[in-house]
């Protein structure tokens, strides 16, 4: 499985999915928060969609039967699977924290009428959804190998070890590569790369989606590399000026105390 993740081997996951039931896949996704809204403070957030037999009966009443081939498509994240970028990022944050389901937020805090000081807004407590250490270690090793030796190795950083997964989200059906190349730009696949960094002690999780750009390794992973480089290297060398008033950087480096 480690090498299947690292090399993005569809055949491995076809075979794996063929041995599973789609309702079990859905139940596992539900257990780890992948079917819920993240609760981010933005309006009209959509749910991530991991299909099940019940979902198909409701969504496709003219053909409600679930076919074995559909489970195989779900096994590689295609078919009726649909994820939001922020839902994907939260799932990788869960992997990075070994089971903490976080609530992402954009609103930082409140500013009083009398001064410029910012009072941070309360943050929802994470929900613990423990991962089996044996399962987690395989996933973590596979995601690390994606960047070290697999599909995203060209986007590896010497200074910061990343873990992540390249992906391609199909937009429209096509027959073969020649047919795909003739597709209009807006029908080309979306490029994805999601992960966390640093690998050993993660501080950030991310999901990069480049619309109609093709392969995740070519387009999305290099953007993630720049994001990680900025956060851990460039940001600390040349920090952005703070907004009006004081804003505490929760990831600011802790000064060393001389003994």
Protein backbone atom coordinates (compact mmCIF):
# COMPACT_ATOMS: atom_id res chain seq x y z
CA UNK A 1 0.00 0.00 0.00
CA UNK A 2 2.86 2.41 0.77
CA UNK A 3 4.16 2.20 -2.80
CA UNK A 4 0.62 2.25 -4.23
CA UNK A 5 0.07 5.59 -2.50
CA UNK A 6 3.51 6.88 -3.47
CA UNK A 7 3.19 5.98 -7.15
CA UNK A 8 -0.57 6.65 -7.37
CA UNK A 9 -1.29 3.11 -8.59
CA UNK A 10 -4.93 3.00 -9.71
CA UNK A 11 -4.90 -0.78 -10.25
CA UNK A 12 -4.02 -1.43 -6.60
CA UNK A 13 -6.97 0.63 -5.40
CA UNK A 14 -9.29 -0.87 -8.04
CA UNK A 15 -8.48 -4.29 -6.61
CA UNK A 16 -8.82 -3.08 -3.03
CA UNK A 17 -12.20 -1.45 -3.70
CA UNK A 18 -13.46 -4.58 -5.48
CA UNK A 19 -13.10 -6.44 -2.17
CA UNK A 20 -15.04 -3.81 -0.21
CA UNK A 21 -18.64 -2.71 0.14
CA UNK A 22 -19.45 0.91 -0.74
CA UNK A 23 -21.53 1.32 2.42
CA UNK A 24 -18.48 0.35 4.51
CA UNK A 25 -16.41 2.94 2.64
CA UNK A 26 -19.09 5.55 3.33
CA UNK A 27 -19.31 4.58 7.02
CA UNK A 28 -15.55 4.97 7.46
CA UNK A 29 -15.59 8.36 5.73
CA UNK A 30 -18.46 9.39 7.99
CA UNK A 31 -16.56 8.24 11.10
CA UNK A 32 -13.67 10.56 10.28
CA UNK A 33 -15.78 13.59 9.41
CA UNK A 34 -15.31 13.40 5.65
CA UNK A 35 -19.05 13.47 4.89
CA UNK A 36 -19.91 16.47 7.10
CA UNK A 37 -19.57 20.18 6.51
CA UNK A 38 -16.42 21.47 8.17
CA UNK A 39 -18.27 24.30 9.94
CA UNK A 40 -15.98 26.96 8.48
CA UNK A 41 -17.29 30.50 8.99
CA UNK A 42 -18.33 30.95 5.36
CA UNK A 43 -21.90 30.88 4.04
CA UNK A 44 -23.39 28.08 1.94
CA UNK A 45 -20.67 25.48 2.54
CA UNK A 46 -21.33 22.23 0.68
CA UNK A 47 -20.82 18.74 2.06
CA UNK A 48 -18.18 16.38 0.80
CA UNK A 49 -19.94 13.53 -1.02
CA UNK A 50 -18.86 9.94 -0.41
CA UNK A 51 -21.61 7.89 -2.06
CA UNK A 52 -23.56 4.99 -0.57
CA UNK A 53 -26.48 2.85 -1.68
CA UNK A 54 -28.90 5.13 0.20
CA UNK A 55 -27.40 8.19 -1.48
CA UNK A 56 -27.86 6.68 -4.95
CA UNK A 57 -31.48 5.65 -4.30
CA UNK A 58 -32.22 9.28 -3.50
CA UNK A 59 -29.99 10.93 -6.12
CA UNK A 60 -30.73 8.61 -9.07
CA UNK A 61 -34.28 7.30 -8.60
CA UNK A 62 -34.48 6.14 -12.25
CA UNK A 63 -31.53 3.77 -11.72
CA UNK A 64 -31.26 3.22 -7.94
CA UNK A 65 -29.28 -0.04 -8.05
CA UNK A 66 -25.65 0.15 -6.92
CA UNK A 67 -23.26 -1.62 -9.31
CA UNK A 68 -19.93 -3.24 -8.37
CA UNK A 69 -18.10 -1.15 -10.97
CA UNK A 70 -19.21 2.00 -9.18
CA UNK A 71 -17.39 0.89 -6.03
CA UNK A 72 -14.21 0.51 -8.07
CA UNK A 73 -14.52 4.12 -9.26
CA UNK A 74 -15.12 5.28 -5.69
CA UNK A 75 -11.96 3.41 -4.67
CA UNK A 76 -9.79 5.91 -6.56
CA UNK A 77 -11.86 8.96 -5.59
CA UNK A 78 -13.73 9.21 -8.89
CA UNK A 79 -17.30 8.38 -9.87
CA UNK A 80 -19.79 10.12 -7.60
CA UNK A 81 -17.15 11.21 -5.07
CA UNK A 82 -17.04 14.97 -4.59
CA UNK A 83 -14.90 16.88 -2.10
CA UNK A 84 -14.56 20.54 -1.21
CA UNK A 85 -11.01 21.89 -0.96
CA UNK A 86 -11.48 22.86 2.68
CA UNK A 87 -12.98 19.46 3.48
CA UNK A 88 -9.93 17.85 1.92
CA UNK A 89 -7.59 20.10 3.91
CA UNK A 90 -9.41 19.25 7.15
CA UNK A 91 -9.08 15.53 6.44
CA UNK A 92 -5.31 15.89 5.99
CA UNK A 93 -5.21 17.90 9.22
CA UNK A 94 -6.89 14.91 10.87
CA UNK A 95 -4.15 12.64 9.50
CA UNK A 96 -1.45 15.09 10.60
CA UNK A 97 -2.81 15.20 14.17
CA UNK A 98 -3.50 11.46 14.28
CA UNK A 99 -7.23 11.88 14.73
CA UNK A 100 -8.18 15.42 15.76
CA UNK A 101 -11.12 16.73 13.74
CA UNK A 102 -10.66 20.50 13.60
CA UNK A 103 -13.06 23.31 12.69
CA UNK A 104 -11.38 25.67 10.21
CA UNK A 105 -12.07 29.39 10.52
CA UNK A 106 -11.11 32.64 8.81
CA UNK A 107 -12.42 35.19 11.31
CA UNK A 108 -9.54 36.15 13.59
CA UNK A 109 -11.08 38.42 16.20
CA UNK A 110 -12.94 41.53 17.29
CA UNK A 111 -11.73 45.11 17.38
CA UNK A 112 -13.13 47.37 20.09
CA UNK A 113 -14.56 50.84 19.39
CA UNK A 114 -12.10 52.57 21.70
CA UNK A 115 -8.82 51.04 20.57
CA UNK A 116 -7.03 49.08 17.91
CA UNK A 117 -6.40 45.96 19.96
CA UNK A 118 -7.69 42.71 18.49
CA UNK A 119 -9.42 40.21 20.73
CA UNK A 120 -9.11 36.73 19.18
CA UNK A 121 -12.40 34.97 18.53
CA UNK A 122 -13.00 31.68 20.37
CA UNK A 123 -12.03 28.57 18.43
CA UNK A 124 -14.08 25.39 18.54
CA UNK A 125 -12.41 22.53 20.40
CA UNK A 126 -11.24 19.64 18.20
CA UNK A 127 -13.16 16.39 18.21
CA UNK A 128 -11.06 13.32 18.94
CA UNK A 129 -11.52 10.55 16.38
CA UNK A 130 -8.54 8.30 17.13
CA UNK A 131 -6.87 6.50 14.25
CA UNK A 132 -5.52 2.99 14.72
CA UNK A 133 -1.72 3.52 14.98
CA UNK A 134 -1.08 0.64 12.56
CA UNK A 135 -3.35 2.17 9.93
CA UNK A 136 -2.04 5.67 10.52
CA UNK A 137 1.61 4.65 10.17
CA UNK A 138 0.98 3.08 6.75
CA UNK A 139 -0.88 6.17 5.50
CA UNK A 140 1.78 8.51 6.89
CA UNK A 141 4.62 6.52 5.33
CA UNK A 142 2.83 6.40 1.97
CA UNK A 143 2.12 10.14 1.96
CA UNK A 144 5.74 10.86 2.86
CA UNK A 145 6.97 8.63 0.03
CA UNK A 146 4.77 10.54 -2.46
CA UNK A 147 7.09 13.52 -2.00
CA UNK A 148 10.32 11.67 -1.24
CA UNK A 149 10.26 9.18 -4.13
CA UNK A 150 6.83 9.17 -5.75
CA UNK A 151 4.63 11.29 -7.98
CA UNK A 152 5.47 14.62 -6.28
CA UNK A 153 9.23 14.13 -5.82
CA UNK A 154 10.00 17.07 -8.12
CA UNK A 155 8.30 19.33 -5.56
CA UNK A 156 10.31 18.11 -2.56
CA UNK A 157 12.06 20.69 -0.38
CA UNK A 158 15.48 20.08 1.14
CA UNK A 159 14.69 22.18 4.19
CA UNK A 160 11.17 20.94 4.99
CA UNK A 161 9.87 17.37 4.58
CA UNK A 162 6.30 17.31 3.28
CA UNK A 163 3.73 14.52 3.19
CA UNK A 164 0.87 14.58 0.71
CA UNK A 165 -0.97 13.08 -2.24
CA UNK A 166 -1.27 14.14 -5.85
CA UNK A 167 -4.66 13.80 -7.49
CA UNK A 168 -6.71 14.48 -10.59
CA UNK A 169 -10.42 15.30 -10.49
CA UNK A 170 -12.18 14.39 -13.71
CA UNK A 171 -14.51 17.10 -15.01
CA UNK A 172 -16.00 15.47 -18.13
CA UNK A 173 -16.04 12.00 -19.68
CA UNK A 174 -13.58 11.17 -22.45
CA UNK A 175 -12.80 8.07 -24.51
CA UNK A 176 -9.01 8.14 -24.71
CA UNK A 177 -6.05 10.53 -24.46
CA UNK A 178 -6.57 11.89 -27.97
CA UNK A 179 -10.19 12.69 -27.12
CA UNK A 180 -9.11 14.34 -23.84
CA UNK A 181 -6.61 16.56 -25.65
CA UNK A 182 -9.38 17.79 -27.94
CA UNK A 183 -11.58 18.78 -24.98
CA UNK A 184 -12.25 22.46 -24.36
CA UNK A 185 -10.22 24.06 -21.57
CA UNK A 186 -13.16 24.19 -19.17
CA UNK A 187 -13.63 20.41 -19.55
CA UNK A 188 -10.04 19.48 -18.64
CA UNK A 189 -9.30 17.78 -15.32
CA UNK A 190 -8.61 19.65 -12.09
CA UNK A 191 -5.15 19.21 -10.54
CA UNK A 192 -4.92 18.46 -6.80
CA UNK A 193 -2.30 18.13 -4.12
CA UNK A 194 -3.17 17.86 -0.42
CA UNK A 195 -0.95 17.16 2.56
CA UNK A 196 0.79 18.42 5.67
CA UNK A 197 4.19 19.67 6.82
CA UNK A 198 6.66 19.20 8.36
CA UNK A 199 6.34 15.44 8.14
CA UNK A 200 7.71 14.63 11.60
CA UNK A 201 5.87 17.31 13.61
CA UNK A 202 3.15 18.80 11.38
CA UNK A 203 2.12 22.43 11.88
CA UNK A 204 0.02 23.02 8.77
CA UNK A 205 -2.29 21.06 6.48
CA UNK A 206 -3.29 22.22 3.02
CA UNK A 207 -5.21 21.39 -0.16
CA UNK A 208 -4.25 22.95 -3.49
CA UNK A 209 -6.75 22.73 -6.36
CA UNK A 210 -5.91 24.17 -9.79
CA UNK A 211 -8.97 24.16 -12.02
CA UNK A 212 -8.72 22.60 -15.49
CA UNK A 213 -4.94 22.27 -15.16
CA UNK A 214 -4.41 18.52 -15.60
CA UNK A 215 -2.18 16.48 -13.33
CA UNK A 216 -1.65 17.27 -9.65
CA UNK A 217 2.07 16.45 -9.82
CA UNK A 218 2.63 18.99 -12.60
CA UNK A 219 0.48 21.91 -11.43
CA UNK A 220 -0.75 21.62 -7.84
CA UNK A 221 2.27 20.10 -6.06
CA UNK A 222 4.66 22.92 -7.13
CA UNK A 223 2.22 25.47 -5.67
CA UNK A 224 2.11 23.51 -2.41
CA UNK A 225 5.92 23.54 -2.39
CA UNK A 226 5.92 27.35 -2.65
CA UNK A 227 3.27 27.57 0.07
CA UNK A 228 5.32 25.43 2.46
CA UNK A 229 8.53 27.29 1.62
CA UNK A 230 6.83 30.61 2.34
CA UNK A 231 5.30 29.49 5.63
CA UNK A 232 8.39 27.91 7.14
CA UNK A 233 11.22 29.90 5.54
CA UNK A 234 10.34 33.12 3.70
CA UNK A 235 7.66 34.25 6.17
CA UNK A 236 10.12 34.14 9.05
CA UNK A 237 12.88 35.90 7.11
CA UNK A 238 10.63 38.66 5.77
CA UNK A 239 7.45 38.80 7.86
CA UNK A 240 4.48 40.72 6.55
CA UNK A 241 3.59 43.88 8.48
CA UNK A 242 0.74 43.26 10.94
CA UNK A 243 -2.69 44.80 10.32
CA UNK A 244 -3.87 47.70 12.46
CA UNK A 245 -3.44 46.69 16.06
CA UNK A 246 -1.67 43.70 17.53
CA UNK A 247 -2.12 40.25 15.99
CA UNK A 248 -0.50 37.30 17.71
CA UNK A 249 1.18 34.81 15.36
CA UNK A 250 0.34 31.36 16.80
CA UNK A 251 3.18 29.81 14.80
CA UNK A 252 5.88 32.35 15.65
CA UNK A 253 9.17 30.63 16.60
CA UNK A 254 9.79 30.38 20.33
CA UNK A 255 13.05 32.15 21.32
CA UNK A 256 15.68 29.88 22.82
CA UNK A 257 16.51 30.43 26.46
CA UNK A 258 20.18 30.32 27.35
CA UNK A 259 20.96 27.89 30.15
